[in-house]
Amino acid sequence: MPTEAVTRFSRIAFISVCVLAVTGLYQSWRWTKRLARPQADGGRAPLRALRRWVSGEAVVGLCVIAATTALAATQSARAPSAAVALSLTVRTSDFDQATVRESFEIP
């Protein structure tokens, strides 16, 4: 893999992680501010909404982990393929029979 591709990917990955951290901090600040306000119903509506969001994020996180596990278990496209054995028996009459065995790789 070319060095410039790794450098470019690393830069993009770093920027993405920074954006995720900033948006996460903003959301936590926003929820904390919302939960600190006194509510007419005793503060249950924001807690219910927060619980719903946290549950949704947990489900999405589990889906990402499941997809990552499934992709990690599959064989890479660059991996060498397995050899396939083929056996063919040809009968031209009741007495003549020839068997051909061949092994080859599927690209």
N, C-alpha and C. Protein backbone atom coordinates (compact mmCIF):
# COMPACT_ATOMS: atom_id res chain seq x y z
N MET A 1 0.86 -1.16 0.00
CA MET A 1 0.00 0.00 0.00
C MET A 1 0.91 1.23 0.00
N PRO A 2 0.61 2.20 -0.85
CA PRO A 2 1.45 3.40 -0.92
C PRO A 2 1.39 4.21 0.38
N THR A 3 2.51 4.82 0.70
CA THR A 3 2.63 5.62 1.92
C THR A 3 1.66 6.80 1.91
N GLU A 4 1.49 7.40 0.74
CA GLU A 4 0.59 8.57 0.66
C GLU A 4 -0.87 8.19 0.96
N ALA A 5 -1.25 6.97 0.59
CA ALA A 5 -2.62 6.51 0.89
C ALA A 5 -2.82 6.34 2.39
N VAL A 6 -1.80 5.78 3.05
CA VAL A 6 -1.89 5.60 4.51
C VAL A 6 -1.95 6.94 5.21
N THR A 7 -1.12 7.88 4.76
CA THR A 7 -1.11 9.23 5.35
C THR A 7 -2.46 9.92 5.16
N ARG A 8 -3.00 9.82 3.94
CA ARG A 8 -4.30 10.44 3.65
C ARG A 8 -5.41 9.81 4.50
N PHE A 9 -5.40 8.48 4.61
CA PHE A 9 -6.40 7.80 5.42
C PHE A 9 -6.26 8.20 6.89
N SER A 10 -5.03 8.26 7.39
CA SER A 10 -4.80 8.63 8.79
C SER A 10 -5.30 10.03 9.08
N ARG A 11 -5.09 10.94 8.16
CA ARG A 11 -5.57 12.32 8.34
C ARG A 11 -7.10 12.35 8.37
N ILE A 12 -7.72 11.64 7.45
CA ILE A 12 -9.20 11.61 7.40
C ILE A 12 -9.75 10.93 8.66
N ALA A 13 -9.11 9.86 9.10
CA ALA A 13 -9.56 9.17 10.31
C ALA A 13 -9.44 10.08 11.53
N PHE A 14 -8.34 10.81 11.65
CA PHE A 14 -8.15 11.72 12.78
C PHE A 14 -9.22 12.81 12.79
N ILE A 15 -9.50 13.39 11.63
CA ILE A 15 -10.53 14.44 11.53
C ILE A 15 -11.89 13.87 11.90
N SER A 16 -12.19 12.66 11.44
CA SER A 16 -13.48 12.04 11.75
C SER A 16 -13.64 11.80 13.25
N VAL A 17 -12.59 11.33 13.90
CA VAL A 17 -12.66 11.09 15.34
C VAL A 17 -12.84 12.41 16.09
N CYS A 18 -12.14 13.46 15.64
CA CYS A 18 -12.30 14.78 16.27
C CYS A 18 -13.74 15.29 16.13
N VAL A 19 -14.32 15.14 14.95
CA VAL A 19 -15.71 15.58 14.74
C VAL A 19 -16.65 14.78 15.63
N LEU A 20 -16.45 13.47 15.75
CA LEU A 20 -17.29 12.66 16.63
C LEU A 20 -17.16 13.09 18.08
N ALA A 21 -15.95 13.40 18.52
CA ALA A 21 -15.74 13.82 19.90
C ALA A 21 -16.43 15.16 20.18
N VAL A 22 -16.31 16.11 19.26
CA VAL A 22 -16.93 17.42 19.45
C VAL A 22 -18.45 17.30 19.46
N THR A 23 -19.01 16.54 18.53
CA THR A 23 -20.47 16.40 18.51
C THR A 23 -20.97 15.64 19.74
N GLY A 24 -20.20 14.67 20.22
CA GLY A 24 -20.58 13.96 21.44
C GLY A 24 -20.57 14.86 22.65
N LEU A 25 -19.55 15.71 22.75
CA LEU A 25 -19.50 16.66 23.86
C LEU A 25 -20.68 17.65 23.80
N TYR A 26 -20.99 18.11 22.59
CA TYR A 26 -22.11 19.04 22.43
C TYR A 26 -23.42 18.37 22.86
N GLN A 27 -23.64 17.14 22.43
CA GLN A 27 -24.88 16.45 22.79
C GLN A 27 -24.98 16.21 24.29
N SER A 28 -23.86 15.84 24.92
CA SER A 28 -23.91 15.63 26.37
C SER A 28 -24.17 16.94 27.11
N TRP A 29 -23.59 18.03 26.64
CA TRP A 29 -23.86 19.34 27.23
C TRP A 29 -25.34 19.71 27.08
N ARG A 30 -25.87 19.46 25.89
CA ARG A 30 -27.27 19.79 25.62
C ARG A 30 -28.22 18.98 26.51
N TRP A 31 -27.97 17.68 26.65
CA TRP A 31 -28.82 16.84 27.48
C TRP A 31 -28.70 17.21 28.95
N THR A 32 -27.48 17.53 29.38
CA THR A 32 -27.29 17.93 30.78
C THR A 32 -28.05 19.21 31.07
N LYS A 33 -28.00 20.15 30.15
CA LYS A 33 -28.71 21.42 30.30
C LYS A 33 -30.23 21.18 30.35
N ARG A 34 -30.70 20.29 29.49
CA ARG A 34 -32.13 19.99 29.43
C ARG A 34 -32.60 19.29 30.70
N LEU A 35 -31.79 18.36 31.23
CA LEU A 35 -32.18 17.63 32.43
C LEU A 35 -32.11 18.50 33.68
N ALA A 36 -31.29 19.56 33.64
CA ALA A 36 -31.15 20.44 34.81
C ALA A 36 -32.35 21.38 34.97
N ARG A 37 -33.08 21.62 33.88
CA ARG A 37 -34.25 22.51 33.95
C ARG A 37 -35.39 21.84 34.69
N PRO A 38 -36.08 22.57 35.55
CA PRO A 38 -37.26 22.00 36.22
C PRO A 38 -38.39 21.80 35.20
N GLN A 39 -39.06 20.68 35.29
CA GLN A 39 -40.14 20.36 34.36
C GLN A 39 -41.47 20.33 35.10
N ALA A 40 -42.55 20.61 34.38
CA ALA A 40 -43.89 20.60 34.97
C ALA A 40 -44.31 19.19 35.39
N ASP A 41 -43.87 18.20 34.63
CA ASP A 41 -44.26 16.81 34.94
C ASP A 41 -43.25 16.10 35.83
N GLY A 42 -42.39 16.84 36.50
CA GLY A 42 -41.43 16.23 37.41
C GLY A 42 -40.15 15.78 36.71
N GLY A 43 -39.95 16.20 35.47
CA GLY A 43 -38.71 15.86 34.76
C GLY A 43 -38.72 14.52 34.06
N ARG A 44 -39.88 13.94 33.86
CA ARG A 44 -39.93 12.61 33.26
C ARG A 44 -39.78 12.63 31.74
N ALA A 45 -40.28 13.65 31.06
CA ALA A 45 -40.22 13.68 29.60
C ALA A 45 -38.78 13.67 29.08
N PRO A 46 -37.89 14.53 29.59
CA PRO A 46 -36.51 14.48 29.09
C PRO A 46 -35.81 13.17 29.42
N LEU A 47 -36.09 12.60 30.60
CA LEU A 47 -35.47 11.33 30.95
C LEU A 47 -35.95 10.20 30.03
N ARG A 48 -37.23 10.24 29.69
CA ARG A 48 -37.77 9.23 28.78
C ARG A 48 -37.11 9.35 27.40
N ALA A 49 -36.98 10.60 26.94
CA ALA A 49 -36.35 10.82 25.64
C ALA A 49 -34.88 10.39 25.67
N LEU A 50 -34.19 10.70 26.76
CA LEU A 50 -32.78 10.31 26.89
C LEU A 50 -32.65 8.79 26.91
N ARG A 51 -33.52 8.13 27.64
CA ARG A 51 -33.50 6.67 27.71
C ARG A 51 -33.73 6.07 26.32
N ARG A 52 -34.64 6.67 25.55
CA ARG A 52 -34.93 6.18 24.20
C ARG A 52 -33.69 6.34 23.30
N TRP A 53 -33.03 7.51 23.37
CA TRP A 53 -31.83 7.75 22.56
C TRP A 53 -30.71 6.79 22.94
N VAL A 54 -30.50 6.59 24.23
CA VAL A 54 -29.43 5.69 24.67
C VAL A 54 -29.71 4.27 24.21
N SER A 55 -30.96 3.84 24.30
CA SER A 55 -31.32 2.50 23.84
C SER A 55 -31.09 2.37 22.34
N GLY A 56 -31.47 3.38 21.59
CA GLY A 56 -31.25 3.36 20.13
C GLY A 56 -29.78 3.30 19.78
N GLU A 57 -28.96 4.07 20.48
CA GLU A 57 -27.53 4.05 20.23
C GLU A 57 -26.92 2.70 20.59
N ALA A 58 -27.41 2.07 21.64
CA ALA A 58 -26.92 0.75 22.03
C ALA A 58 -27.24 -0.28 20.95
N VAL A 59 -28.44 -0.21 20.38
CA VAL A 59 -28.83 -1.14 19.32
C VAL A 59 -27.96 -0.93 18.08
N VAL A 60 -27.75 0.33 17.71
CA VAL A 60 -26.89 0.62 16.55
C VAL A 60 -25.47 0.12 16.82
N GLY A 61 -24.97 0.32 18.03
CA GLY A 61 -23.63 -0.16 18.37
C GLY A 61 -23.52 -1.67 18.26
N LEU A 62 -24.54 -2.39 18.72
CA LEU A 62 -24.54 -3.86 18.60
C LEU A 62 -24.57 -4.30 17.14
N CYS A 63 -25.33 -3.57 16.32
CA CYS A 63 -25.37 -3.89 14.88
C CYS A 63 -24.01 -3.68 14.23
N VAL A 64 -23.32 -2.62 14.61
CA VAL A 64 -21.98 -2.36 14.06
C VAL A 64 -21.02 -3.47 14.49
N ILE A 65 -21.09 -3.87 15.74
CA ILE A 65 -20.22 -4.95 16.22
C ILE A 65 -20.54 -6.26 15.49
N ALA A 66 -21.82 -6.55 15.28
CA ALA A 66 -22.20 -7.78 14.57
C ALA A 66 -21.71 -7.74 13.12
N ALA A 67 -21.86 -6.59 12.45
CA ALA A 67 -21.39 -6.47 11.07
C ALA A 67 -19.87 -6.61 11.00
N THR A 68 -19.17 -6.01 11.94
CA THR A 68 -17.71 -6.12 11.97
C THR A 68 -17.28 -7.56 12.18
N THR A 69 -17.96 -8.26 13.07
CA THR A 69 -17.64 -9.66 13.32
C THR A 69 -17.88 -10.50 12.07
N ALA A 70 -18.99 -10.26 11.39
CA ALA A 70 -19.30 -11.02 10.17
C ALA A 70 -18.27 -10.74 9.08
N LEU A 71 -17.88 -9.47 8.91
CA LEU A 71 -16.90 -9.14 7.88
C LEU A 71 -15.52 -9.67 8.22
N ALA A 72 -15.17 -9.69 9.49
CA ALA A 72 -13.85 -10.20 9.89
C ALA A 72 -13.77 -11.72 9.69
N ALA A 73 -14.90 -12.40 9.74
CA ALA A 73 -14.92 -13.85 9.59
C ALA A 73 -14.90 -14.29 8.13
N THR A 74 -15.17 -13.39 7.20
CA THR A 74 -15.19 -13.77 5.78
C THR A 74 -13.79 -13.76 5.21
N GLN A 75 -13.60 -14.50 4.13
CA GLN A 75 -12.30 -14.58 3.49
C GLN A 75 -12.08 -13.36 2.62
N SER A 76 -10.89 -12.84 2.63
CA SER A 76 -10.54 -11.67 1.84
C SER A 76 -10.58 -12.00 0.36
N ALA A 77 -10.88 -11.01 -0.47
CA ALA A 77 -10.91 -11.22 -1.91
C ALA A 77 -9.50 -11.46 -2.45
N ARG A 78 -8.49 -11.00 -1.73
CA ARG A 78 -7.12 -11.18 -2.17
C ARG A 78 -6.52 -12.51 -1.73
N ALA A 79 -7.23 -13.24 -0.90
CA ALA A 79 -6.73 -14.53 -0.42
C ALA A 79 -6.74 -15.54 -1.57
N PRO A 80 -5.76 -16.43 -1.59
CA PRO A 80 -5.76 -17.44 -2.66
C PRO A 80 -6.97 -18.36 -2.54
N SER A 81 -7.51 -18.72 -3.66
CA SER A 81 -8.69 -19.58 -3.64
C SER A 81 -8.27 -21.04 -3.48
N ALA A 82 -9.18 -21.84 -3.02
CA ALA A 82 -8.91 -23.25 -2.78
C ALA A 82 -8.94 -24.03 -4.09
N ALA A 83 -8.19 -25.08 -4.14
CA ALA A 83 -8.17 -25.93 -5.33
C ALA A 83 -9.45 -26.75 -5.39
N VAL A 84 -9.93 -26.97 -6.59
CA VAL A 84 -11.14 -27.75 -6.79
C VAL A 84 -10.76 -29.03 -7.54
N ALA A 85 -11.22 -30.15 -7.02
CA ALA A 85 -10.94 -31.43 -7.68
C ALA A 85 -12.17 -31.86 -8.47
N LEU A 86 -11.92 -32.34 -9.66
CA LEU A 86 -13.00 -32.76 -10.54
C LEU A 86 -12.72 -34.19 -11.00
N SER A 87 -13.72 -35.02 -10.92
CA SER A 87 -13.58 -36.40 -11.38
C SER A 87 -14.71 -36.67 -12.36
N LEU A 88 -14.36 -37.19 -13.51
CA LEU A 88 -15.34 -37.42 -14.57
C LEU A 88 -15.16 -38.84 -15.09
N THR A 89 -16.23 -39.59 -15.11
CA THR A 89 -16.20 -40.95 -15.64
C THR A 89 -17.04 -40.99 -16.91
N VAL A 90 -16.43 -41.45 -17.97
CA VAL A 90 -17.11 -41.51 -19.27
C VAL A 90 -17.24 -42.97 -19.66
N ARG A 91 -18.44 -43.38 -20.02
CA ARG A 91 -18.72 -44.74 -20.47
C ARG A 91 -19.16 -44.67 -21.91
N THR A 92 -18.39 -45.33 -22.77
CA THR A 92 -18.77 -45.36 -24.18
C THR A 92 -19.56 -46.61 -24.52
N SER A 93 -19.35 -47.65 -23.73
CA SER A 93 -20.13 -48.87 -23.91
C SER A 93 -20.15 -49.59 -22.58
N ASP A 94 -20.71 -50.78 -22.55
CA ASP A 94 -20.77 -51.51 -21.29
C ASP A 94 -19.38 -51.95 -20.82
N PHE A 95 -18.42 -52.08 -21.75
CA PHE A 95 -17.11 -52.60 -21.39
C PHE A 95 -16.02 -51.52 -21.33
N ASP A 96 -16.20 -50.45 -22.06
CA ASP A 96 -15.17 -49.39 -22.09
C ASP A 96 -15.54 -48.30 -21.08
N GLN A 97 -14.56 -47.95 -20.30
CA GLN A 97 -14.79 -46.90 -19.29
C GLN A 97 -13.47 -46.15 -19.10
N ALA A 98 -13.55 -44.84 -19.02
CA ALA A 98 -12.36 -44.01 -18.78
C ALA A 98 -12.68 -43.02 -17.67
N THR A 99 -11.77 -42.87 -16.76
CA THR A 99 -11.95 -41.91 -15.67
C THR A 99 -10.87 -40.84 -15.79
N VAL A 100 -11.30 -39.61 -15.76
CA VAL A 100 -10.38 -38.48 -15.85
C VAL A 100 -10.48 -37.70 -14.55
N ARG A 101 -9.33 -37.48 -13.91
CA ARG A 101 -9.29 -36.69 -12.69
C ARG A 101 -8.42 -35.47 -12.94
N GLU A 102 -8.93 -34.33 -12.58
CA GLU A 102 -8.18 -33.09 -12.79
C GLU A 102 -8.36 -32.19 -11.57
N SER A 103 -7.32 -31.47 -11.23
CA SER A 103 -7.35 -30.54 -10.13
C SER A 103 -6.98 -29.17 -10.67
N PHE A 104 -7.72 -28.14 -10.31
CA PHE A 104 -7.39 -26.80 -10.78
C PHE A 104 -7.87 -25.78 -9.77
N GLU A 105 -7.37 -24.57 -9.92
CA GLU A 105 -7.77 -23.47 -9.03
C GLU A 105 -8.71 -22.53 -9.76
N ILE A 106 -9.70 -22.09 -9.06
CA ILE A 106 -10.64 -21.11 -9.62
C ILE A 106 -10.11 -19.73 -9.24
N PRO A 107 -9.86 -18.90 -10.24
CA PRO A 107 -9.30 -17.56 -9.92
C PRO A 107 -10.29 -16.66 -9.24
